[in-house]
Amino acid sequence: MFSISLIIQDDGPYKEMVYFPPTIDALILVLLSGIATGIIVLLSLNFKLYKQPLSLMVLAINLAHIFFYYSKLSVLFYQPRSELHCKVLGILHVFGLEPAAFWEALFAHTFYTILKQPADGEARVASMIKYYFIFAVLYPLIAGTVSFFTASFSLFSR
């Protein structure tokens, strides 16, 4: 059920949303996903699968997930002690989550392009990949940097 208290935070009760829980029991799924994603990235780099456009996009998706997972796991080793630390984690959090979503949408577009025009689909993908990098990396980097100056992750509590 949806709780309106997550949106309206006036004098009434509210629910605190913990983006970076500091205990291992709250991060078990993140740890397992981070390990699996790390293995995929290492295998992709080891076998040089990034030379093909679709494999490069899969690697980019997984690298974005690495940023997301390990920014959440970092609080197990170094607990946030200030608002600055929370804001830096917020940048990594945003820069991990948003590029993954962009790369996934762009992967779907690429797959559609290849299916629509099988004869020259691979060549078109190779020419579009540079634009994909600009869109899927530059915008989330700007959004992550801007999140430093907003109150998105600035609520620090001990």
C-alpha atoms as a PDB file:
ATOM      1  CA  MET A   1       0.000   0.000   0.000  1.00  0.00           C
ATOM      2  CA  PHE A   2       1.231   3.500  -0.790  1.00  0.00           C
ATOM      3  CA  SER A   3       1.974   5.719   2.168  1.00  0.00           C
ATOM      4  CA  ILE A   4       1.363   9.420   1.668  1.00  0.00           C
ATOM      5  CA  SER A   5       3.758  10.103   4.544  1.00  0.00           C
ATOM      6  CA  LEU A   6       6.674   9.537   2.163  1.00  0.00           C
ATOM      7  CA  ILE A   7       5.636  12.630   0.218  1.00  0.00           C
ATOM      8  CA  ILE A   8       4.162  14.990   2.788  1.00  0.00           C
ATOM      9  CA  GLN A   9       6.726  15.639   5.485  1.00  0.00           C
ATOM     10  CA  ASP A  10       5.198  18.419   7.520  1.00  0.00           C
ATOM     11  CA  ASP A  11       4.516  18.177  11.245  1.00  0.00           C
ATOM     12  CA  GLY A  12       3.036  14.684  10.956  1.00  0.00           C
ATOM     13  CA  PRO A  13       4.906  11.417  11.113  1.00  0.00           C
ATOM     14  CA  TYR A  14       7.159  10.526   8.221  1.00  0.00           C
ATOM     15  CA  LYS A  15       9.214   7.549   7.123  1.00  0.00           C
ATOM     16  CA  GLU A  16      12.925   7.894   6.758  1.00  0.00           C
ATOM     17  CA  MET A  17      14.308   6.365   3.575  1.00  0.00           C
ATOM     18  CA  VAL A  18      17.765   4.910   4.096  1.00  0.00           C
ATOM     19  CA  TYR A  19      19.661   4.879   0.807  1.00  0.00           C
ATOM     20  CA  PHE A  20      22.863   3.497   2.290  1.00  0.00           C
ATOM     21  CA  PRO A  21      22.073   1.055   5.111  1.00  0.00           C
ATOM     22  CA  PRO A  22      25.197   0.434   7.201  1.00  0.00           C
ATOM     23  CA  THR A  23      24.494  -3.216   8.099  1.00  0.00           C
ATOM     24  CA  ILE A  24      25.333  -6.334   6.118  1.00  0.00           C
ATOM     25  CA  ASP A  25      21.911  -7.909   6.607  1.00  0.00           C
ATOM     26  CA  ALA A  26      20.316  -5.064   4.628  1.00  0.00           C
ATOM     27  CA  LEU A  27      22.898  -5.366   1.838  1.00  0.00           C
ATOM     28  CA  ILE A  28      23.062  -9.110   1.168  1.00  0.00           C
ATOM     29  CA  LEU A  29      21.258  -8.848  -2.176  1.00  0.00           C
ATOM     30  CA  VAL A  30      23.396  -5.888  -3.203  1.00  0.00           C
ATOM     31  CA  LEU A  31      26.534  -7.856  -2.283  1.00  0.00           C
ATOM     32  CA  LEU A  32      25.468 -10.902  -4.322  1.00  0.00           C
ATOM     33  CA  SER A  33      24.516  -8.732  -7.295  1.00  0.00           C
ATOM     34  CA  GLY A  34      27.788  -6.817  -7.040  1.00  0.00           C
ATOM     35  CA  ILE A  35      29.819 -10.031  -7.037  1.00  0.00           C
ATOM     36  CA  ALA A  36      27.913 -11.444 -10.029  1.00  0.00           C
ATOM     37  CA  THR A  37      28.205  -8.186 -11.953  1.00  0.00           C
ATOM     38  CA  GLY A  38      31.906  -7.944 -11.122  1.00  0.00           C
ATOM     39  CA  ILE A  39      32.471 -11.439 -12.508  1.00  0.00           C
ATOM     40  CA  ILE A  40      30.640 -10.509 -15.723  1.00  0.00           C
ATOM     41  CA  VAL A  41      32.740  -7.355 -16.127  1.00  0.00           C
ATOM     42  CA  LEU A  42      35.998  -9.244 -15.509  1.00  0.00           C
ATOM     43  CA  LEU A  43      35.055 -11.958 -18.015  1.00  0.00           C
ATOM     44  CA  SER A  44      34.012  -9.358 -20.593  1.00  0.00           C
ATOM     45  CA  LEU A  45      37.331  -7.569 -20.232  1.00  0.00           C
ATOM     46  CA  ASN A  46      39.341 -10.802 -20.143  1.00  0.00           C
ATOM     47  CA  PHE A  47      37.807 -12.184 -23.339  1.00  0.00           C
ATOM     48  CA  LYS A  48      37.767  -8.736 -25.008  1.00  0.00           C
ATOM     49  CA  LEU A  49      34.068  -8.893 -25.738  1.00  0.00           C
ATOM     50  CA  TYR A  50      33.903  -5.096 -25.875  1.00  0.00           C
ATOM     51  CA  LYS A  51      35.104  -5.072 -29.488  1.00  0.00           C
ATOM     52  CA  GLN A  52      31.575  -5.671 -30.784  1.00  0.00           C
ATOM     53  CA  PRO A  53      29.005  -2.885 -30.324  1.00  0.00           C
ATOM     54  CA  LEU A  54      26.337  -4.955 -28.553  1.00  0.00           C
ATOM     55  CA  SER A  55      28.886  -6.531 -26.223  1.00  0.00           C
ATOM     56  CA  LEU A  56      30.279  -3.080 -25.495  1.00  0.00           C
ATOM     57  CA  MET A  57      26.805  -1.928 -24.502  1.00  0.00           C
ATOM     58  CA  VAL A  58      26.361  -4.933 -22.191  1.00  0.00           C
ATOM     59  CA  LEU A  59      29.722  -4.094 -20.605  1.00  0.00           C
ATOM     60  CA  ALA A  60      28.652  -0.460 -20.161  1.00  0.00           C
ATOM     61  CA  ILE A  61      25.419  -1.566 -18.470  1.00  0.00           C
ATOM     62  CA  ASN A  62      27.358  -3.759 -16.081  1.00  0.00           C
ATOM     63  CA  LEU A  63      29.944  -1.061 -15.343  1.00  0.00           C
ATOM     64  CA  ALA A  64      27.127   1.303 -14.410  1.00  0.00           C
ATOM     65  CA  HIS A  65      25.738  -1.355 -12.088  1.00  0.00           C
ATOM     66  CA  ILE A  66      29.202  -1.709 -10.528  1.00  0.00           C
ATOM     67  CA  PHE A  67      29.144   1.993  -9.606  1.00  0.00           C
ATOM     68  CA  PHE A  68      25.678   1.590  -8.128  1.00  0.00           C
ATOM     69  CA  TYR A  69      26.333  -1.589  -6.145  1.00  0.00           C
ATOM     70  CA  TYR A  70      29.725  -0.684  -4.771  1.00  0.00           C
ATOM     71  CA  SER A  71      28.643   2.816  -3.753  1.00  0.00           C
ATOM     72  CA  LYS A  72      26.010   1.118  -1.590  1.00  0.00           C
ATOM     73  CA  LEU A  73      28.488  -1.465  -0.273  1.00  0.00           C
ATOM     74  CA  SER A  74      31.136   1.119   0.576  1.00  0.00           C
ATOM     75  CA  VAL A  75      29.282   2.066   3.761  1.00  0.00           C
ATOM     76  CA  LEU A  76      30.174  -1.336   5.214  1.00  0.00           C
ATOM     77  CA  PHE A  77      33.864  -0.446   5.143  1.00  0.00           C
ATOM     78  CA  TYR A  78      33.807   3.304   5.627  1.00  0.00           C
ATOM     79  CA  GLN A  79      30.709   4.647   7.358  1.00  0.00           C
ATOM     80  CA  PRO A  80      29.597   8.145   6.338  1.00  0.00           C
ATOM     81  CA  ARG A  81      30.659  10.683   8.916  1.00  0.00           C
ATOM     82  CA  SER A  82      29.483  13.891   7.273  1.00  0.00           C
ATOM     83  CA  GLU A  83      27.060  15.346   4.794  1.00  0.00           C
ATOM     84  CA  LEU A  84      29.901  15.716   2.279  1.00  0.00           C
ATOM     85  CA  HIS A  85      30.489  11.966   2.314  1.00  0.00           C
ATOM     86  CA  CYS A  86      26.753  11.337   1.781  1.00  0.00           C
ATOM     87  CA  LYS A  87      26.698  13.754  -1.142  1.00  0.00           C
ATOM     88  CA  VAL A  88      29.705  12.084  -2.789  1.00  0.00           C
ATOM     89  CA  LEU A  89      27.994   8.722  -2.356  1.00  0.00           C
ATOM     90  CA  GLY A  90      24.905  10.307  -3.899  1.00  0.00           C
ATOM     91  CA  ILE A  91      26.906  11.268  -6.992  1.00  0.00           C
ATOM     92  CA  LEU A  92      28.111   7.679  -7.389  1.00  0.00           C
ATOM     93  CA  HIS A  93      24.610   6.397  -6.709  1.00  0.00           C
ATOM     94  CA  VAL A  94      23.051   8.585  -9.407  1.00  0.00           C
ATOM     95  CA  PHE A  95      25.923   7.959 -11.828  1.00  0.00           C
ATOM     96  CA  GLY A  96      25.459   4.232 -11.357  1.00  0.00           C
ATOM     97  CA  LEU A  97      21.705   4.057 -11.621  1.00  0.00           C
ATOM     98  CA  GLU A  98      20.940   6.467 -14.469  1.00  0.00           C
ATOM     99  CA  PRO A  99      23.508   5.274 -17.027  1.00  0.00           C
ATOM    100  CA  ALA A 100      22.337   1.699 -16.544  1.00  0.00           C
ATOM    101  CA  ALA A 101      18.791   2.723 -17.431  1.00  0.00           C
ATOM    102  CA  PHE A 102      19.978   4.750 -20.441  1.00  0.00           C
ATOM    103  CA  TRP A 103      22.202   1.941 -21.700  1.00  0.00           C
ATOM    104  CA  GLU A 104      19.365  -0.555 -21.351  1.00  0.00           C
ATOM    105  CA  ALA A 105      17.029   1.651 -23.394  1.00  0.00           C
ATOM    106  CA  LEU A 106      19.739   2.250 -25.988  1.00  0.00           C
ATOM    107  CA  PHE A 107      20.433  -1.482 -26.131  1.00  0.00           C
ATOM    108  CA  ALA A 108      16.764  -2.069 -26.919  1.00  0.00           C
ATOM    109  CA  HIS A 109      16.930   0.600 -29.631  1.00  0.00           C
ATOM    110  CA  THR A 110      20.039  -1.003 -31.094  1.00  0.00           C
ATOM    111  CA  PHE A 111      18.465  -4.432 -31.045  1.00  0.00           C
ATOM    112  CA  TYR A 112      15.397  -3.012 -32.797  1.00  0.00           C
ATOM    113  CA  THR A 113      17.609  -1.353 -35.410  1.00  0.00           C
ATOM    114  CA  ILE A 114      19.390  -4.617 -36.144  1.00  0.00           C
ATOM    115  CA  LEU A 115      16.113  -6.537 -36.415  1.00  0.00           C
ATOM    116  CA  LYS A 116      14.530  -3.878 -38.615  1.00  0.00           C
ATOM    117  CA  GLN A 117      17.438  -3.696 -41.069  1.00  0.00           C
ATOM    118  CA  PRO A 118      19.498  -6.877 -40.776  1.00  0.00           C
ATOM    119  CA  ALA A 119      21.614  -6.128 -43.857  1.00  0.00           C
ATOM    120  CA  ASP A 120      23.242  -2.937 -42.593  1.00  0.00           C
ATOM    121  CA  GLY A 121      22.156  -2.945 -38.944  1.00  0.00           C
ATOM    122  CA  GLU A 122      25.617  -3.729 -37.555  1.00  0.00           C
ATOM    123  CA  ALA A 123      27.207  -0.908 -39.552  1.00  0.00           C
ATOM    124  CA  ARG A 124      24.577   1.561 -38.345  1.00  0.00           C
ATOM    125  CA  VAL A 125      25.146   0.477 -34.748  1.00  0.00           C
ATOM    126  CA  ALA A 126      28.883   1.030 -35.076  1.00  0.00           C
ATOM    127  CA  SER A 127      28.231   4.574 -36.292  1.00  0.00           C
ATOM    128  CA  MET A 128      25.670   5.324 -33.549  1.00  0.00           C
ATOM    129  CA  ILE A 129      27.718   4.035 -30.615  1.00  0.00           C
ATOM    130  CA  LYS A 130      29.608   7.329 -30.168  1.00  0.00           C
ATOM    131  CA  TYR A 131      26.311   9.194 -29.822  1.00  0.00           C
ATOM    132  CA  TYR A 132      25.111   6.584 -27.388  1.00  0.00           C
ATOM    133  CA  PHE A 133      28.174   7.209 -25.228  1.00  0.00           C
ATOM    134  CA  ILE A 134      27.513  10.941 -25.178  1.00  0.00           C
ATOM    135  CA  PHE A 135      23.879  10.470 -24.213  1.00  0.00           C
ATOM    136  CA  ALA A 136      24.321   7.605 -21.735  1.00  0.00           C
ATOM    137  CA  VAL A 137      27.400   8.940 -19.946  1.00  0.00           C
ATOM    138  CA  LEU A 138      27.391  12.725 -20.188  1.00  0.00           C
ATOM    139  CA  TYR A 139      23.817  13.352 -19.039  1.00  0.00           C
ATOM    140  CA  PRO A 140      24.028  11.077 -15.968  1.00  0.00           C
ATOM    141  CA  LEU A 141      27.408  12.582 -15.081  1.00  0.00           C
ATOM    142  CA  ILE A 142      25.852  16.041 -15.136  1.00  0.00           C
ATOM    143  CA  ALA A 143      22.829  14.799 -13.166  1.00  0.00           C
ATOM    144  CA  GLY A 144      25.099  13.158 -10.586  1.00  0.00           C
ATOM    145  CA  THR A 145      27.159  16.309 -10.206  1.00  0.00           C
ATOM    146  CA  VAL A 146      24.025  18.440  -9.860  1.00  0.00           C
ATOM    147  CA  SER A 147      22.748  16.051  -7.167  1.00  0.00           C
ATOM    148  CA  PHE A 148      25.708  17.179  -5.061  1.00  0.00           C
ATOM    149  CA  PHE A 149      24.178  20.648  -4.842  1.00  0.00           C
ATOM    150  CA  THR A 150      20.635  19.505  -4.119  1.00  0.00           C
ATOM    151  CA  ALA A 151      19.141  18.032  -0.982  1.00  0.00           C
ATOM    152  CA  SER A 152      18.656  14.583  -2.519  1.00  0.00           C
ATOM    153  CA  PHE A 153      21.201  12.813  -0.346  1.00  0.00           C
ATOM    154  CA  SER A 154      22.020  15.510   2.167  1.00  0.00           C
ATOM    155  CA  LEU A 155      19.928  14.258   5.054  1.00  0.00           C
ATOM    156  CA  PHE A 156      22.596  12.796   7.292  1.00  0.00           C
ATOM    157  CA  SER A 157      21.641  11.112  10.542  1.00  0.00           C
ATOM    158  CA  ARG A 158      23.718   9.193  13.005  1.00  0.00           C
END
